[in-house]
PDB file of N, CA and C in Angstrom:
ATOM      1  N   ALA A   1       0.858  -1.209   0.030  1.00  0.00           N
ATOM      2  CA  ALA A   1      -0.039  -0.011   0.016  1.00  0.00           C
ATOM      3  C   ALA A   1       0.915   1.245   0.036  1.00  0.00           C
ATOM      4  N   VAL A   2       0.513   2.162  -0.696  1.00  0.00           N
ATOM      5  CA  VAL A   2       1.180   3.494  -0.810  1.00  0.00           C
ATOM      6  C   VAL A   2       0.882   4.386   0.374  1.00  0.00           C
ATOM      7  N   GLN A   3       1.899   4.976   0.918  1.00  0.00           N
ATOM      8  CA  GLN A   3       1.613   5.896   1.905  1.00  0.00           C
ATOM      9  C   GLN A   3       1.072   7.200   1.391  1.00  0.00           C
ATOM     10  N   GLU A   4      -0.010   7.665   1.992  1.00  0.00           N
ATOM     11  CA  GLU A   4      -0.517   8.936   1.665  1.00  0.00           C
ATOM     12  C   GLU A   4       0.024  10.045   2.619  1.00  0.00           C
ATOM     13  N   PHE A   5       0.501  11.004   2.053  1.00  0.00           N
ATOM     14  CA  PHE A   5       1.120  12.111   2.792  1.00  0.00           C
ATOM     15  C   PHE A   5       0.066  13.177   2.993  1.00  0.00           C
ATOM     16  N   LYS A   6      -0.125  13.579   4.150  1.00  0.00           N
ATOM     17  CA  LYS A   6      -1.094  14.659   4.548  1.00  0.00           C
ATOM     18  C   LYS A   6      -0.433  15.979   4.582  1.00  0.00           C
ATOM     19  N   ASP A   7       0.404  16.372   3.625  1.00  0.00           N
ATOM     20  CA  ASP A   7       1.133  17.559   3.814  1.00  0.00           C
ATOM     21  C   ASP A   7       0.824  18.655   2.748  1.00  0.00           C
ATOM     22  N   GLY A   8      -0.240  18.451   1.920  1.00  0.00           N
ATOM     23  CA  GLY A   8      -0.666  19.424   0.955  1.00  0.00           C
ATOM     24  C   GLY A   8       0.070  19.457  -0.325  1.00  0.00           C
ATOM     25  N   PHE A   9       0.928  18.459  -0.469  1.00  0.00           N
ATOM     26  CA  PHE A   9       1.714  18.184  -1.751  1.00  0.00           C
ATOM     27  C   PHE A   9       1.267  16.967  -2.418  1.00  0.00           C
ATOM     28  N   ILE A  10       1.570  16.806  -3.626  1.00  0.00           N
ATOM     29  CA  ILE A  10       1.372  15.616  -4.316  1.00  0.00           C
ATOM     30  C   ILE A  10       2.715  14.918  -4.582  1.00  0.00           C
ATOM     31  N   HIS A  11       2.866  13.704  -4.035  1.00  0.00           N
ATOM     32  CA  HIS A  11       4.103  12.964  -4.158  1.00  0.00           C
ATOM     33  C   HIS A  11       3.965  12.110  -5.367  1.00  0.00           C
ATOM     34  N   LYS A  12       5.086  11.702  -6.014  1.00  0.00           N
ATOM     35  CA  LYS A  12       5.098  10.901  -7.232  1.00  0.00           C
ATOM     36  C   LYS A  12       4.289   9.627  -7.009  1.00  0.00           C
ATOM     37  N   GLU A  13       4.435   9.027  -5.936  1.00  0.00           N
ATOM     38  CA  GLU A  13       3.670   7.758  -5.649  1.00  0.00           C
ATOM     39  C   GLU A  13       2.250   7.971  -5.587  1.00  0.00           C
ATOM     40  N   GLU A  14       1.848   9.076  -5.000  1.00  0.00           N
ATOM     41  CA  GLU A  14       0.363   9.427  -4.891  1.00  0.00           C
ATOM     42  C   GLU A  14      -0.226   9.619  -6.295  1.00  0.00           C
ATOM     43  N   PHE A  15       0.586  10.356  -7.033  1.00  0.00           N
ATOM     44  CA  PHE A  15       0.199  10.790  -8.467  1.00  0.00           C
ATOM     45  C   PHE A  15      -0.022   9.513  -9.249  1.00  0.00           C
ATOM     46  N   GLN A  16       1.009   8.546  -9.244  1.00  0.00           N
ATOM     47  CA  GLN A  16       0.740   7.320 -10.025  1.00  0.00           C
ATOM     48  C   GLN A  16      -0.418   6.500  -9.503  1.00  0.00           C
ATOM     49  N   LEU A  17      -0.699   6.514  -8.197  1.00  0.00           N
ATOM     50  CA  LEU A  17      -1.746   5.720  -7.669  1.00  0.00           C
ATOM     51  C   LEU A  17      -3.127   6.393  -8.140  1.00  0.00           C
ATOM     52  N   ALA A  18      -3.085   7.699  -8.138  1.00  0.00           N
ATOM     53  CA  ALA A  18      -4.372   8.410  -8.592  1.00  0.00           C
ATOM     54  C   ALA A  18      -4.689   8.151 -10.071  1.00  0.00           C
ATOM     55  N   LEU A  19      -3.634   8.123 -10.888  1.00  0.00           N
ATOM     56  CA  LEU A  19      -3.800   7.898 -12.415  1.00  0.00           C
ATOM     57  C   LEU A  19      -4.099   6.533 -12.743  1.00  0.00           C
ATOM     58  N   PHE A  20      -3.314   5.577 -12.135  1.00  0.00           N
ATOM     59  CA  PHE A  20      -3.253   4.176 -12.590  1.00  0.00           C
ATOM     60  C   PHE A  20      -3.710   3.210 -11.651  1.00  0.00           C
ATOM     61  N   ARG A  21      -4.104   3.624 -10.398  1.00  0.00           N
ATOM     62  CA  ARG A  21      -4.456   2.713  -9.341  1.00  0.00           C
ATOM     63  C   ARG A  21      -3.413   1.686  -9.018  1.00  0.00           C
ATOM     64  N   ASN A  22      -2.156   2.075  -9.291  1.00  0.00           N
ATOM     65  CA  ASN A  22      -1.024   1.192  -9.017  1.00  0.00           C
ATOM     66  C   ASN A  22       0.156   2.099  -8.730  1.00  0.00           C
ATOM     67  N   SER A  23       0.827   1.954  -7.613  1.00  0.00           N
ATOM     68  CA  SER A  23       1.925   2.671  -7.276  1.00  0.00           C
ATOM     69  C   SER A  23       3.266   1.833  -7.167  1.00  0.00           C
ATOM     70  N   ASN A  24       3.048   0.461  -7.398  1.00  0.00           N
ATOM     71  CA  ASN A  24       4.192  -0.483  -7.177  1.00  0.00           C
ATOM     72  C   ASN A  24       4.970  -0.655  -8.435  1.00  0.00           C
ATOM     73  N   LYS A  25       4.377  -0.662  -9.609  1.00  0.00           N
ATOM     74  CA  LYS A  25       5.103  -0.822 -10.892  1.00  0.00           C
ATOM     75  C   LYS A  25       5.723   0.546 -11.356  1.00  0.00           C
ATOM     76  N   LYS A  26       6.881   0.487 -11.915  1.00  0.00           N
ATOM     77  CA  LYS A  26       7.513   1.627 -12.552  1.00  0.00           C
ATOM     78  C   LYS A  26       6.701   1.885 -13.864  1.00  0.00           C
ATOM     79  N   ASN A  27       6.439   3.165 -13.959  1.00  0.00           N
ATOM     80  CA  ASN A  27       5.495   3.592 -15.175  1.00  0.00           C
ATOM     81  C   ASN A  27       6.153   4.829 -15.780  1.00  0.00           C
ATOM     82  N   LEU A  28       6.799   4.574 -16.842  1.00  0.00           N
ATOM     83  CA  LEU A  28       7.502   5.665 -17.610  1.00  0.00           C
ATOM     84  C   LEU A  28       6.570   6.926 -17.895  1.00  0.00           C
ATOM     85  N   PHE A  29       5.263   6.537 -18.381  1.00  0.00           N
ATOM     86  CA  PHE A  29       4.395   7.558 -18.724  1.00  0.00           C
ATOM     87  C   PHE A  29       4.057   8.439 -17.459  1.00  0.00           C
ATOM     88  N   ALA A  30       3.805   7.781 -16.315  1.00  0.00           N
ATOM     89  CA  ALA A  30       3.537   8.556 -15.082  1.00  0.00           C
ATOM     90  C   ALA A  30       4.670   9.355 -14.655  1.00  0.00           C
ATOM     91  N   ASP A  31       5.866   8.839 -14.838  1.00  0.00           N
ATOM     92  CA  ASP A  31       7.148   9.535 -14.402  1.00  0.00           C
ATOM     93  C   ASP A  31       7.293  10.833 -15.221  1.00  0.00           C
ATOM     94  N   ARG A  32       7.034  10.684 -16.554  1.00  0.00           N
ATOM     95  CA  ARG A  32       7.195  11.870 -17.430  1.00  0.00           C
ATOM     96  C   ARG A  32       6.166  12.890 -17.128  1.00  0.00           C
ATOM     97  N   ILE A  33       4.913  12.552 -17.022  1.00  0.00           N
ATOM     98  CA  ILE A  33       3.850  13.470 -16.717  1.00  0.00           C
ATOM     99  C   ILE A  33       4.137  14.127 -15.403  1.00  0.00           C
ATOM    100  N   PHE A  34       4.539  13.376 -14.315  1.00  0.00           N
ATOM    101  CA  PHE A  34       4.804  13.943 -12.977  1.00  0.00           C
ATOM    102  C   PHE A  34       5.877  14.943 -13.129  1.00  0.00           C
ATOM    103  N   ASP A  35       6.973  14.633 -13.925  1.00  0.00           N
ATOM    104  CA  ASP A  35       8.109  15.496 -14.092  1.00  0.00           C
ATOM    105  C   ASP A  35       7.676  16.790 -14.692  1.00  0.00           C
ATOM    106  N   LEU A  36       6.651  16.813 -15.524  1.00  0.00           N
ATOM    107  CA  LEU A  36       6.171  18.057 -16.063  1.00  0.00           C
ATOM    108  C   LEU A  36       5.533  19.049 -15.020  1.00  0.00           C
ATOM    109  N   PHE A  37       5.024  18.333 -13.937  1.00  0.00           N
ATOM    110  CA  PHE A  37       4.467  19.175 -12.863  1.00  0.00           C
ATOM    111  C   PHE A  37       5.397  19.537 -11.800  1.00  0.00           C
ATOM    112  N   ASP A  38       6.442  18.663 -11.631  1.00  0.00           N
ATOM    113  CA  ASP A  38       7.459  18.925 -10.590  1.00  0.00           C
ATOM    114  C   ASP A  38       8.529  19.937 -11.073  1.00  0.00           C
ATOM    115  N   LEU A  39       8.192  21.173 -11.093  1.00  0.00           N
ATOM    116  CA  LEU A  39       9.033  22.211 -11.639  1.00  0.00           C
ATOM    117  C   LEU A  39      10.303  22.407 -10.829  1.00  0.00           C
ATOM    118  N   LYS A  40      10.188  22.145  -9.495  1.00  0.00           N
ATOM    119  CA  LYS A  40      11.350  22.372  -8.610  1.00  0.00           C
ATOM    120  C   LYS A  40      12.205  21.162  -8.527  1.00  0.00           C
ATOM    121  N   ARG A  41      11.775  20.072  -9.207  1.00  0.00           N
ATOM    122  CA  ARG A  41      12.523  18.791  -9.275  1.00  0.00           C
ATOM    123  C   ARG A  41      12.964  18.321  -7.898  1.00  0.00           C
ATOM    124  N   ASN A  42      11.838  18.251  -6.959  1.00  0.00           N
ATOM    125  CA  ASN A  42      12.106  17.854  -5.664  1.00  0.00           C
ATOM    126  C   ASN A  42      11.253  16.585  -5.278  1.00  0.00           C
ATOM    127  N   GLY A  43      10.631  15.997  -6.213  1.00  0.00           N
ATOM    128  CA  GLY A  43       9.851  14.827  -5.998  1.00  0.00           C
ATOM    129  C   GLY A  43       8.515  15.023  -5.479  1.00  0.00           C
ATOM    130  N   ILE A  44       8.088  16.223  -5.390  1.00  0.00           N
ATOM    131  CA  ILE A  44       6.654  16.567  -4.911  1.00  0.00           C
ATOM    132  C   ILE A  44       6.260  17.820  -5.788  1.00  0.00           C
ATOM    133  N   THR A  45       4.914  17.944  -5.904  1.00  0.00           N
ATOM    134  CA  THR A  45       4.361  19.094  -6.569  1.00  0.00           C
ATOM    135  C   THR A  45       3.263  19.800  -5.663  1.00  0.00           C
ATOM    136  N   ASP A  46       3.319  21.027  -5.846  1.00  0.00           N
ATOM    137  CA  ASP A  46       2.319  21.745  -5.026  1.00  0.00           C
ATOM    138  C   ASP A  46       1.235  22.397  -5.981  1.00  0.00           C
ATOM    139  N   PHE A  47       0.335  23.056  -5.436  1.00  0.00           N
ATOM    140  CA  PHE A  47      -0.826  23.651  -6.260  1.00  0.00           C
ATOM    141  C   PHE A  47      -0.260  24.659  -7.346  1.00  0.00           C
ATOM    142  N   GLY A  48       0.731  25.489  -6.863  1.00  0.00           N
ATOM    143  CA  GLY A  48       1.311  26.426  -7.761  1.00  0.00           C
ATOM    144  C   GLY A  48       2.006  25.826  -8.972  1.00  0.00           C
ATOM    145  N   GLU A  49       2.775  24.838  -8.735  1.00  0.00           N
ATOM    146  CA  GLU A  49       3.457  24.099  -9.809  1.00  0.00           C
ATOM    147  C   GLU A  49       2.368  23.422 -10.683  1.00  0.00           C
ATOM    148  N   PHE A  50       1.352  22.893 -10.121  1.00  0.00           N
ATOM    149  CA  PHE A  50       0.328  22.141 -10.897  1.00  0.00           C
ATOM    150  C   PHE A  50      -0.314  23.277 -11.870  1.00  0.00           C
ATOM    151  N   VAL A  51      -0.696  24.365 -11.358  1.00  0.00           N
ATOM    152  CA  VAL A  51      -1.324  25.383 -12.172  1.00  0.00           C
ATOM    153  C   VAL A  51      -0.427  25.904 -13.213  1.00  0.00           C
ATOM    154  N   GLN A  52       0.791  26.186 -12.974  1.00  0.00           N
ATOM    155  CA  GLN A  52       1.799  26.548 -13.951  1.00  0.00           C
ATOM    156  C   GLN A  52       1.918  25.567 -15.108  1.00  0.00           C
ATOM    157  N   SER A  53       1.979  24.234 -14.685  1.00  0.00           N
ATOM    158  CA  SER A  53       2.142  23.199 -15.626  1.00  0.00           C
ATOM    159  C   SER A  53       0.989  22.985 -16.516  1.00  0.00           C
ATOM    160  N   ILE A  54      -0.247  23.071 -16.033  1.00  0.00           N
ATOM    161  CA  ILE A  54      -1.434  22.854 -16.939  1.00  0.00           C
ATOM    162  C   ILE A  54      -1.644  23.971 -17.911  1.00  0.00           C
ATOM    163  N   ASP A  55      -1.126  25.104 -17.599  1.00  0.00           N
ATOM    164  CA  ASP A  55      -1.088  26.245 -18.493  1.00  0.00           C
ATOM    165  C   ASP A  55      -0.687  25.872 -19.863  1.00  0.00           C
ATOM    166  N   ILE A  56       0.283  24.935 -20.028  1.00  0.00           N
ATOM    167  CA  ILE A  56       0.826  24.507 -21.346  1.00  0.00           C
ATOM    168  C   ILE A  56      -0.290  23.908 -22.194  1.00  0.00           C
ATOM    169  N   PHE A  57      -1.407  23.447 -21.615  1.00  0.00           N
ATOM    170  CA  PHE A  57      -2.380  22.884 -22.396  1.00  0.00           C
ATOM    171  C   PHE A  57      -3.429  23.870 -22.913  1.00  0.00           C
ATOM    172  N   HIS A  58      -3.305  25.150 -22.481  1.00  0.00           N
ATOM    173  CA  HIS A  58      -4.162  26.154 -23.005  1.00  0.00           C
ATOM    174  C   HIS A  58      -3.963  26.320 -24.383  1.00  0.00           C
ATOM    175  N   PRO A  59      -5.085  26.488 -25.278  1.00  0.00           N
ATOM    176  CA  PRO A  59      -4.995  26.549 -26.693  1.00  0.00           C
ATOM    177  C   PRO A  59      -4.290  27.832 -27.211  1.00  0.00           C
ATOM    178  N   GLU A  60      -4.208  28.902 -26.350  1.00  0.00           N
ATOM    179  CA  GLU A  60      -3.544  30.057 -26.876  1.00  0.00           C
ATOM    180  C   GLU A  60      -2.060  30.171 -26.315  1.00  0.00           C
ATOM    181  N   MET A  61      -1.583  29.108 -25.735  1.00  0.00           N
ATOM    182  CA  MET A  61      -0.171  29.106 -25.256  1.00  0.00           C
ATOM    183  C   MET A  61       0.610  28.876 -26.695  1.00  0.00           C
ATOM    184  N   PRO A  62       1.635  29.695 -26.864  1.00  0.00           N
ATOM    185  CA  PRO A  62       2.441  29.546 -28.068  1.00  0.00           C
ATOM    186  C   PRO A  62       3.150  28.277 -28.212  1.00  0.00           C
ATOM    187  N   LEU A  63       3.118  27.659 -29.298  1.00  0.00           N
ATOM    188  CA  LEU A  63       3.807  26.392 -29.704  1.00  0.00           C
ATOM    189  C   LEU A  63       5.207  26.385 -29.074  1.00  0.00           C
ATOM    190  N   ALA A  64       5.907  27.420 -29.291  1.00  0.00           N
ATOM    191  CA  ALA A  64       7.318  27.460 -28.826  1.00  0.00           C
ATOM    192  C   ALA A  64       7.444  27.219 -27.364  1.00  0.00           C
ATOM    193  N   GLU A  65       6.526  27.613 -26.601  1.00  0.00           N
ATOM    194  CA  GLU A  65       6.521  27.438 -25.096  1.00  0.00           C
ATOM    195  C   GLU A  65       6.156  26.010 -24.814  1.00  0.00           C
ATOM    196  N   LYS A  66       5.319  25.392 -25.664  1.00  0.00           N
ATOM    197  CA  LYS A  66       4.813  24.079 -25.372  1.00  0.00           C
ATOM    198  C   LYS A  66       5.946  23.098 -25.666  1.00  0.00           C
ATOM    199  N   ILE A  67       6.866  23.314 -26.532  1.00  0.00           N
ATOM    200  CA  ILE A  67       7.898  22.375 -26.822  1.00  0.00           C
ATOM    201  C   ILE A  67       9.207  22.777 -26.240  1.00  0.00           C
ATOM    202  N   ALA A  68       9.305  23.786 -25.461  1.00  0.00           N
ATOM    203  CA  ALA A  68      10.523  24.214 -24.770  1.00  0.00           C
ATOM    204  C   ALA A  68      10.976  23.351 -23.746  1.00  0.00           C
TER     205      ALA A  68
END
């Protein structure tokens, strides 16, 4: 069982569990997606990082910023 952290952050294991209902297997897709949100590269993401990261999906975001 994955430990749920009650600290207001999303940890990589929690992220994978939420998306795939599995936190035990290594999942390259989950790792890549989580890394997009983990802007500080510290293994956790907070609400601010999450909001900054989903901005890339906005239709008016310039393509150059999406592939940078």
